[in-house]
Amino acid sequence: MLALATFLVDNMTARDEREEELEQEENLALERANALAANVRSYCERIGRSAVDAKTRWNGVVTISANDRRLAAEPIVGKENWRVDGQEVSHVEMLDRVLTFLAAGPARSNRARRR
């Protein structure tokens, strides 16, 4: 009986520790997302791109909007990698995609393409 009680207590303690670690990883991922959004906003203010908006949604996805274009970046919990528009990429690749997105001008309309 004592062995069963010890096993149950150890099992509950281990589960609590795993849940706490997961919560810490989720908080870290949300901090990374908030930092990306803040850095994009700051960068765009410095270069005068007022039409760009970067927001962190409740689920940690950073949405960067510029005119009629959008880029979604999400830190992957427990990893250094990010998911950008559905693809898992490294932190460096994510930054490259964000900067490429910001460097591109507004999407051209169909009328402008025909000319």
Foldseek 3Di string as FASTA:
>chain_A
DVVVVVVVVVVVVVVVVVVVVQVVLQVVQLVVLVVVQVVVVVVCVVVVQPQWHWDQDPNQWIWIDHDPDIKIWGQDRPDQWIQIPRRTDHPVVVVVVVVVVVVDHDDDDPVVVVD
